């Protein structure tokens, strides 16, 4: 079975592990923010390709940690 091209509201909520609520998605749609969607009659569908694009646009890039050799790490002493 192939992956769906569109997700329903409930499927989008599951995709984001219930961290985005139906109300949040509704608010985002009314403000035209968040992931793109298609409305056919009363049905609201989210194209998977648009959800993937939205995920990438919200990706927070981090810098790699610079590892120093143990013998060059300076340690601070705390005097009380």
PDB file of N, CA and C in Angstrom:
ATOM      1  N   UNK A   1       0.845  -1.187   0.000  1.00  0.00           N
ATOM      2  CA  UNK A   1       0.000   0.000   0.000  1.00  0.00           C
ATOM      3  C   UNK A   1       0.887   1.245   0.000  1.00  0.00           C
ATOM      4  N   UNK A   2       0.580   2.188  -0.859  1.00  0.00           N
ATOM      5  CA  UNK A   2       1.391   3.400  -0.958  1.00  0.00           C
ATOM      6  C   UNK A   2       0.986   4.411   0.117  1.00  0.00           C
ATOM      7  N   UNK A   3       1.906   5.318   0.389  1.00  0.00           N
ATOM      8  CA  UNK A   3       1.653   6.368   1.384  1.00  0.00           C
ATOM      9  C   UNK A   3       0.609   7.340   0.841  1.00  0.00           C
ATOM     10  N   UNK A   4      -0.253   7.866   1.709  1.00  0.00           N
ATOM     11  CA  UNK A   4      -1.283   8.806   1.250  1.00  0.00           C
ATOM     12  C   UNK A   4      -0.665  10.129   0.793  1.00  0.00           C
ATOM     13  N   UNK A   5      -1.316  10.762  -0.170  1.00  0.00           N
ATOM     14  CA  UNK A   5      -0.867  12.065  -0.653  1.00  0.00           C
ATOM     15  C   UNK A   5      -1.375  13.195   0.236  1.00  0.00           C
ATOM     16  N   UNK A   6      -2.475  12.939   0.936  1.00  0.00           N
ATOM     17  CA  UNK A   6      -3.106  13.941   1.792  1.00  0.00           C
ATOM     18  C   UNK A   6      -3.405  13.321   3.146  1.00  0.00           C
ATOM     19  N   UNK A   7      -3.315  14.139   4.192  1.00  0.00           N
ATOM     20  CA  UNK A   7      -3.669  13.686   5.534  1.00  0.00           C
ATOM     21  C   UNK A   7      -4.870  14.470   6.034  1.00  0.00           C
ATOM     22  N   UNK A   8      -5.708  13.787   6.773  1.00  0.00           N
ATOM     23  CA  UNK A   8      -6.837  14.449   7.422  1.00  0.00           C
ATOM     24  C   UNK A   8      -6.328  15.187   8.657  1.00  0.00           C
ATOM     25  N   UNK A   9      -7.203  15.956   9.249  1.00  0.00           N
ATOM     26  CA  UNK A   9      -6.858  16.697  10.461  1.00  0.00           C
ATOM     27  C   UNK A   9      -6.352  15.765  11.559  1.00  0.00           C
ATOM     28  N   UNK A  10      -7.072  14.654  11.780  1.00  0.00           N
ATOM     29  CA  UNK A  10      -6.657  13.702  12.815  1.00  0.00           C
ATOM     30  C   UNK A  10      -5.303  13.073  12.506  1.00  0.00           C
ATOM     31  N   UNK A  11      -5.051  12.809  11.232  1.00  0.00           N
ATOM     32  CA  UNK A  11      -3.769  12.217  10.846  1.00  0.00           C
ATOM     33  C   UNK A  11      -2.620  13.203  11.043  1.00  0.00           C
ATOM     34  N   UNK A  12      -2.881  14.481  10.793  1.00  0.00           N
ATOM     35  CA  UNK A  12      -1.855  15.509  11.028  1.00  0.00           C
ATOM     36  C   UNK A  12      -1.544  15.598  12.520  1.00  0.00           C
ATOM     37  N   UNK A  13      -2.569  15.564  13.343  1.00  0.00           N
ATOM     38  CA  UNK A  13      -2.368  15.609  14.795  1.00  0.00           C
ATOM     39  C   UNK A  13      -1.530  14.413  15.236  1.00  0.00           C
ATOM     40  N   UNK A  14      -1.821  13.232  14.704  1.00  0.00           N
ATOM     41  CA  UNK A  14      -1.032  12.037  15.035  1.00  0.00           C
ATOM     42  C   UNK A  14       0.396  12.165  14.537  1.00  0.00           C
ATOM     43  N   UNK A  15       0.575  12.753  13.350  1.00  0.00           N
ATOM     44  CA  UNK A  15       1.917  12.921  12.784  1.00  0.00           C
ATOM     45  C   UNK A  15       2.805  13.711  13.736  1.00  0.00           C
ATOM     46  N   UNK A  16       2.217  14.701  14.382  1.00  0.00           N
ATOM     47  CA  UNK A  16       2.984  15.548  15.299  1.00  0.00           C
ATOM     48  C   UNK A  16       2.795  15.120  16.756  1.00  0.00           C
ATOM     49  N   UNK A  17       2.442  13.854  16.944  1.00  0.00           N
ATOM     50  CA  UNK A  17       2.370  13.213  18.263  1.00  0.00           C
ATOM     51  C   UNK A  17       1.526  13.986  19.264  1.00  0.00           C
ATOM     52  N   UNK A  18       0.414  14.497  18.803  1.00  0.00           N
ATOM     53  CA  UNK A  18      -0.542  15.246  19.637  1.00  0.00           C
ATOM     54  C   UNK A  18       0.053  16.507  20.269  1.00  0.00           C
ATOM     55  N   UNK A  19       1.120  17.022  19.690  1.00  0.00           N
ATOM     56  CA  UNK A  19       1.725  18.258  20.193  1.00  0.00           C
ATOM     57  C   UNK A  19       1.111  19.490  19.540  1.00  0.00           C
ATOM     58  N   UNK A  20       0.338  19.284  18.484  1.00  0.00           N
ATOM     59  CA  UNK A  20      -0.425  20.354  17.834  1.00  0.00           C
ATOM     60  C   UNK A  20      -1.886  19.937  17.926  1.00  0.00           C
ATOM     61  N   UNK A  21      -2.707  20.800  18.455  1.00  0.00           N
ATOM     62  CA  UNK A  21      -4.117  20.453  18.638  1.00  0.00           C
ATOM     63  C   UNK A  21      -4.949  20.850  17.419  1.00  0.00           C
ATOM     64  N   UNK A  22      -6.157  20.326  17.386  1.00  0.00           N
ATOM     65  CA  UNK A  22      -7.102  20.691  16.335  1.00  0.00           C
ATOM     66  C   UNK A  22      -7.371  22.191  16.365  1.00  0.00           C
ATOM     67  N   UNK A  23      -7.515  22.739  17.561  1.00  0.00           N
ATOM     68  CA  UNK A  23      -7.759  24.178  17.701  1.00  0.00           C
ATOM     69  C   UNK A  23      -6.607  25.013  17.172  1.00  0.00           C
ATOM     70  N   UNK A  24      -5.380  24.565  17.424  1.00  0.00           N
ATOM     71  CA  UNK A  24      -4.208  25.281  16.908  1.00  0.00           C
ATOM     72  C   UNK A  24      -4.208  25.264  15.389  1.00  0.00           C
ATOM     73  N   UNK A  25      -4.470  24.097  14.807  1.00  0.00           N
ATOM     74  CA  UNK A  25      -4.511  24.011  13.344  1.00  0.00           C
ATOM     75  C   UNK A  25      -5.623  24.886  12.773  1.00  0.00           C
ATOM     76  N   UNK A  26      -6.756  24.922  13.448  1.00  0.00           N
ATOM     77  CA  UNK A  26      -7.876  25.772  13.012  1.00  0.00           C
ATOM     78  C   UNK A  26      -7.465  27.252  13.052  1.00  0.00           C
ATOM     79  N   UNK A  27      -6.833  27.659  14.145  1.00  0.00           N
ATOM     80  CA  UNK A  27      -6.370  29.048  14.264  1.00  0.00           C
ATOM     81  C   UNK A  27      -5.353  29.389  13.194  1.00  0.00           C
ATOM     82  N   UNK A  28      -4.404  28.478  12.968  1.00  0.00           N
ATOM     83  CA  UNK A  28      -3.397  28.717  11.938  1.00  0.00           C
ATOM     84  C   UNK A  28      -4.040  28.862  10.566  1.00  0.00           C
ATOM     85  N   UNK A  29      -5.037  28.028  10.273  1.00  0.00           N
ATOM     86  CA  UNK A  29      -5.714  28.139   8.965  1.00  0.00           C
ATOM     87  C   UNK A  29      -6.388  29.488   8.824  1.00  0.00           C
ATOM     88  N   UNK A  30      -7.047  29.952   9.878  1.00  0.00           N
ATOM     89  CA  UNK A  30      -7.754  31.240   9.783  1.00  0.00           C
ATOM     90  C   UNK A  30      -6.784  32.403   9.620  1.00  0.00           C
ATOM     91  N   UNK A  31      -5.573  32.257  10.147  1.00  0.00           N
ATOM     92  CA  UNK A  31      -4.550  33.310  10.035  1.00  0.00           C
ATOM     93  C   UNK A  31      -3.620  33.100   8.844  1.00  0.00           C
ATOM     94  N   UNK A  32      -3.838  32.012   8.119  1.00  0.00           N
ATOM     95  CA  UNK A  32      -3.007  31.659   6.957  1.00  0.00           C
ATOM     96  C   UNK A  32      -1.538  31.483   7.346  1.00  0.00           C
ATOM     97  N   UNK A  33      -1.315  30.831   8.485  1.00  0.00           N
ATOM     98  CA  UNK A  33       0.033  30.457   8.899  1.00  0.00           C
ATOM     99  C   UNK A  33       0.040  28.943   9.099  1.00  0.00           C
ATOM    100  N   UNK A  34       1.193  28.365   9.347  1.00  0.00           N
ATOM    101  CA  UNK A  34       1.271  26.923   9.528  1.00  0.00           C
ATOM    102  C   UNK A  34       1.360  26.214   8.193  1.00  0.00           C
ATOM    103  N   UNK A  35       1.146  24.909   8.202  1.00  0.00           N
ATOM    104  CA  UNK A  35       1.272  24.145   6.956  1.00  0.00           C
ATOM    105  C   UNK A  35       0.138  24.464   5.976  1.00  0.00           C
ATOM    106  N   UNK A  36       0.462  24.401   4.698  1.00  0.00           N
ATOM    107  CA  UNK A  36      -0.537  24.634   3.653  1.00  0.00           C
ATOM    108  C   UNK A  36      -1.570  23.521   3.676  1.00  0.00           C
ATOM    109  N   UNK A  37      -2.773  23.843   3.235  1.00  0.00           N
ATOM    110  CA  UNK A  37      -3.863  22.874   3.252  1.00  0.00           C
ATOM    111  C   UNK A  37      -4.759  23.071   2.041  1.00  0.00           C
ATOM    112  N   UNK A  38      -5.613  22.092   1.807  1.00  0.00           N
ATOM    113  CA  UNK A  38      -6.605  22.155   0.740  1.00  0.00           C
ATOM    114  C   UNK A  38      -7.963  21.986   1.395  1.00  0.00           C
ATOM    115  N   UNK A  39      -8.927  22.784   0.966  1.00  0.00           N
ATOM    116  CA  UNK A  39     -10.280  22.656   1.486  1.00  0.00           C
ATOM    117  C   UNK A  39     -11.188  22.288   0.326  1.00  0.00           C
ATOM    118  N   UNK A  40     -11.842  21.140   0.478  1.00  0.00           N
ATOM    119  CA  UNK A  40     -12.787  20.668  -0.532  1.00  0.00           C
ATOM    120  C   UNK A  40     -14.126  20.526   0.176  1.00  0.00           C
ATOM    121  N   UNK A  41     -15.019  21.452  -0.082  1.00  0.00           N
ATOM    122  CA  UNK A  41     -16.270  21.493   0.673  1.00  0.00           C
ATOM    123  C   UNK A  41     -15.929  21.796   2.130  1.00  0.00           C
ATOM    124  N   UNK A  42     -16.356  20.934   3.025  1.00  0.00           N
ATOM    125  CA  UNK A  42     -16.027  21.105   4.445  1.00  0.00           C
ATOM    126  C   UNK A  42     -14.775  20.340   4.839  1.00  0.00           C
ATOM    127  N   UNK A  43     -14.277  19.493   3.947  1.00  0.00           N
ATOM    128  CA  UNK A  43     -13.100  18.667   4.249  1.00  0.00           C
ATOM    129  C   UNK A  43     -11.828  19.487   4.147  1.00  0.00           C
ATOM    130  N   UNK A  44     -10.996  19.390   5.167  1.00  0.00           N
ATOM    131  CA  UNK A  44      -9.688  20.041   5.182  1.00  0.00           C
ATOM    132  C   UNK A  44      -8.646  18.932   5.072  1.00  0.00           C
ATOM    133  N   UNK A  45      -7.802  19.031   4.060  1.00  0.00           N
ATOM    134  CA  UNK A  45      -6.756  18.037   3.833  1.00  0.00           C
ATOM    135  C   UNK A  45      -5.402  18.724   3.751  1.00  0.00           C
ATOM    136  N   UNK A  46      -4.400  18.042   4.265  1.00  0.00           N
ATOM    137  CA  UNK A  46      -3.040  18.572   4.263  1.00  0.00           C
ATOM    138  C   UNK A  46      -2.178  17.716   3.337  1.00  0.00           C
ATOM    139  N   UNK A  47      -1.655  18.287   2.250  1.00  0.00           N
ATOM    140  CA  UNK A  47      -0.772  17.518   1.373  1.00  0.00           C
ATOM    141  C   UNK A  47       0.502  17.122   2.140  1.00  0.00           C
ATOM    142  N   UNK A  48       0.858  15.859   2.074  1.00  0.00           N
ATOM    143  CA  UNK A  48       2.045  15.375   2.788  1.00  0.00           C
ATOM    144  C   UNK A  48       3.286  16.130   2.332  1.00  0.00           C
ATOM    145  N   UNK A  49       3.381  16.415   1.046  1.00  0.00           N
ATOM    146  CA  UNK A  49       4.541  17.140   0.530  1.00  0.00           C
ATOM    147  C   UNK A  49       4.647  18.534   1.170  1.00  0.00           C
ATOM    148  N   UNK A  50       3.507  19.171   1.428  1.00  0.00           N
ATOM    149  CA  UNK A  50       3.501  20.487   2.074  1.00  0.00           C
ATOM    150  C   UNK A  50       3.864  20.375   3.555  1.00  0.00           C
ATOM    151  N   UNK A  51       3.421  19.306   4.211  1.00  0.00           N
ATOM    152  CA  UNK A  51       3.814  19.094   5.611  1.00  0.00           C
ATOM    153  C   UNK A  51       5.321  18.878   5.708  1.00  0.00           C
ATOM    154  N   UNK A  52       5.884  18.118   4.770  1.00  0.00           N
ATOM    155  CA  UNK A  52       7.336  17.904   4.751  1.00  0.00           C
ATOM    156  C   UNK A  52       8.076  19.222   4.541  1.00  0.00           C
ATOM    157  N   UNK A  53       7.556  20.045   3.620  1.00  0.00           N
ATOM    158  CA  UNK A  53       8.178  21.356   3.353  1.00  0.00           C
ATOM    159  C   UNK A  53       8.099  22.240   4.590  1.00  0.00           C
ATOM    160  N   UNK A  54       6.954  22.228   5.258  1.00  0.00           N
ATOM    161  CA  UNK A  54       6.767  23.030   6.469  1.00  0.00           C
ATOM    162  C   UNK A  54       7.705  22.561   7.572  1.00  0.00           C
ATOM    163  N   UNK A  55       7.874  21.249   7.683  1.00  0.00           N
ATOM    164  CA  UNK A  55       8.825  20.706   8.664  1.00  0.00           C
ATOM    165  C   UNK A  55      10.224  21.248   8.399  1.00  0.00           C
ATOM    166  N   UNK A  56      10.652  21.203   7.154  1.00  0.00           N
ATOM    167  CA  UNK A  56      12.002  21.688   6.814  1.00  0.00           C
ATOM    168  C   UNK A  56      12.143  23.183   7.097  1.00  0.00           C
ATOM    169  N   UNK A  57      11.091  23.945   6.846  1.00  0.00           N
ATOM    170  CA  UNK A  57      11.177  25.395   7.066  1.00  0.00           C
ATOM    171  C   UNK A  57      11.238  25.737   8.558  1.00  0.00           C
ATOM    172  N   UNK A  58      10.816  24.813   9.407  1.00  0.00           N
ATOM    173  CA  UNK A  58      10.852  25.038  10.851  1.00  0.00           C
ATOM    174  C   UNK A  58      11.994  24.319  11.542  1.00  0.00           C
ATOM    175  N   UNK A  59      12.862  23.715  10.769  1.00  0.00           N
ATOM    176  CA  UNK A  59      13.998  22.995  11.318  1.00  0.00           C
ATOM    177  C   UNK A  59      14.967  23.983  11.948  1.00  0.00           C
ATOM    178  N   UNK A  60      15.372  23.714  13.155  1.00  0.00           N
ATOM    179  CA  UNK A  60      16.342  24.559  13.849  1.00  0.00           C
ATOM    180  C   UNK A  60      17.703  23.903  13.718  1.00  0.00           C
ATOM    181  N   UNK A  61      18.595  24.589  13.053  1.00  0.00           N
ATOM    182  CA  UNK A  61      19.929  24.053  12.833  1.00  0.00           C
ATOM    183  C   UNK A  61      20.819  24.365  14.034  1.00  0.00           C
ATOM    184  N   UNK A  62      21.572  23.390  14.430  1.00  0.00           N
ATOM    185  CA  UNK A  62      22.487  23.546  15.552  1.00  0.00           C
ATOM    186  C   UNK A  62      23.912  23.385  15.056  1.00  0.00           C
ATOM    187  N   UNK A  63      24.826  24.042  15.751  1.00  0.00           N
ATOM    188  CA  UNK A  63      26.236  23.893  15.418  1.00  0.00           C
ATOM    189  C   UNK A  63      26.758  22.630  16.079  1.00  0.00           C
ATOM    190  N   UNK A  64      27.736  22.046  15.446  1.00  0.00           N
ATOM    191  CA  UNK A  64      28.358  20.881  16.039  1.00  0.00           C
ATOM    192  C   UNK A  64      29.122  21.298  17.284  1.00  0.00           C
ATOM    193  N   UNK A  65      29.161  20.399  18.226  1.00  0.00           N
ATOM    194  CA  UNK A  65      29.942  20.652  19.427  1.00  0.00           C
ATOM    195  C   UNK A  65      31.403  20.445  19.080  1.00  0.00           C
ATOM    196  N   UNK A  66      32.206  21.366  19.497  1.00  0.00           N
ATOM    197  CA  UNK A  66      33.635  21.247  19.242  1.00  0.00           C
ATOM    198  C   UNK A  66      34.242  20.484  20.403  1.00  0.00           C
ATOM    199  N   UNK A  67      34.736  19.305  20.114  1.00  0.00           N
ATOM    200  CA  UNK A  67      35.325  18.481  21.157  1.00  0.00           C
ATOM    201  C   UNK A  67      36.805  18.807  21.283  1.00  0.00           C
ATOM    202  N   UNK A  68      37.236  19.013  22.492  1.00  0.00           N
ATOM    203  CA  UNK A  68      38.644  19.256  22.771  1.00  0.00           C
ATOM    204  C   UNK A  68      39.244  17.999  23.371  1.00  0.00           C
ATOM    205  N   UNK A  69      40.500  17.732  23.069  1.00  0.00           N
ATOM    206  CA  UNK A  69      41.148  16.585  23.722  1.00  0.00           C
ATOM    207  C   UNK A  69      41.137  16.780  25.234  1.00  0.00           C
ATOM    208  N   UNK A  70      41.070  15.697  25.959  1.00  0.00           N
ATOM    209  CA  UNK A  70      40.985  15.771  27.414  1.00  0.00           C
ATOM    210  C   UNK A  70      42.153  16.495  28.048  1.00  0.00           C
ATOM    211  N   UNK A  71      43.338  16.367  27.461  1.00  0.00           N
ATOM    212  CA  UNK A  71      44.504  16.993  28.102  1.00  0.00           C
ATOM    213  C   UNK A  71      44.548  18.499  27.899  1.00  0.00           C
ATOM    214  N   UNK A  72      43.744  19.058  27.008  1.00  0.00           N
ATOM    215  CA  UNK A  72      43.759  20.503  26.821  1.00  0.00           C
ATOM    216  C   UNK A  72      42.568  21.197  27.460  1.00  0.00           C
ATOM    217  N   UNK A  73      41.682  20.430  28.075  1.00  0.00           N
ATOM    218  CA  UNK A  73      40.506  21.021  28.705  1.00  0.00           C
ATOM    219  C   UNK A  73      40.933  21.678  30.006  1.00  0.00           C
ATOM    220  N   UNK A  74      40.595  22.948  30.119  1.00  0.00           N
ATOM    221  CA  UNK A  74      40.909  23.648  31.344  1.00  0.00           C
ATOM    222  C   UNK A  74      39.759  23.459  32.327  1.00  0.00           C
ATOM    223  N   UNK A  75      40.097  23.236  33.561  1.00  0.00           N
ATOM    224  CA  UNK A  75      39.072  23.102  34.580  1.00  0.00           C
ATOM    225  C   UNK A  75      39.180  24.245  35.550  1.00  0.00           C
ATOM    226  N   UNK A  76      38.059  24.672  36.024  1.00  0.00           N
ATOM    227  CA  UNK A  76      38.031  25.743  37.008  1.00  0.00           C
ATOM    228  C   UNK A  76      37.857  25.123  38.388  1.00  0.00           C
ATOM    229  N   UNK A  77      38.510  25.737  39.328  1.00  0.00           N
ATOM    230  CA  UNK A  77      38.302  25.287  40.691  1.00  0.00           C
ATOM    231  C   UNK A  77      37.439  26.313  41.390  1.00  0.00           C
ATOM    232  N   UNK A  78      36.603  25.837  42.224  1.00  0.00           N
ATOM    233  CA  UNK A  78      35.687  26.701  42.931  1.00  0.00           C
ATOM    234  C   UNK A  78      36.099  26.744  44.391  1.00  0.00           C
ATOM    235  N   UNK A  79      36.421  27.929  44.864  1.00  0.00           N
ATOM    236  CA  UNK A  79      36.793  28.067  46.262  1.00  0.00           C
ATOM    237  C   UNK A  79      35.617  28.599  47.033  1.00  0.00           C
ATOM    238  N   UNK A  80      35.395  28.041  48.186  1.00  0.00           N
ATOM    239  CA  UNK A  80      34.288  28.496  49.020  1.00  0.00           C
ATOM    240  C   UNK A  80      34.817  29.151  50.256  1.00  0.00           C
TER     241      UNK A  80
END
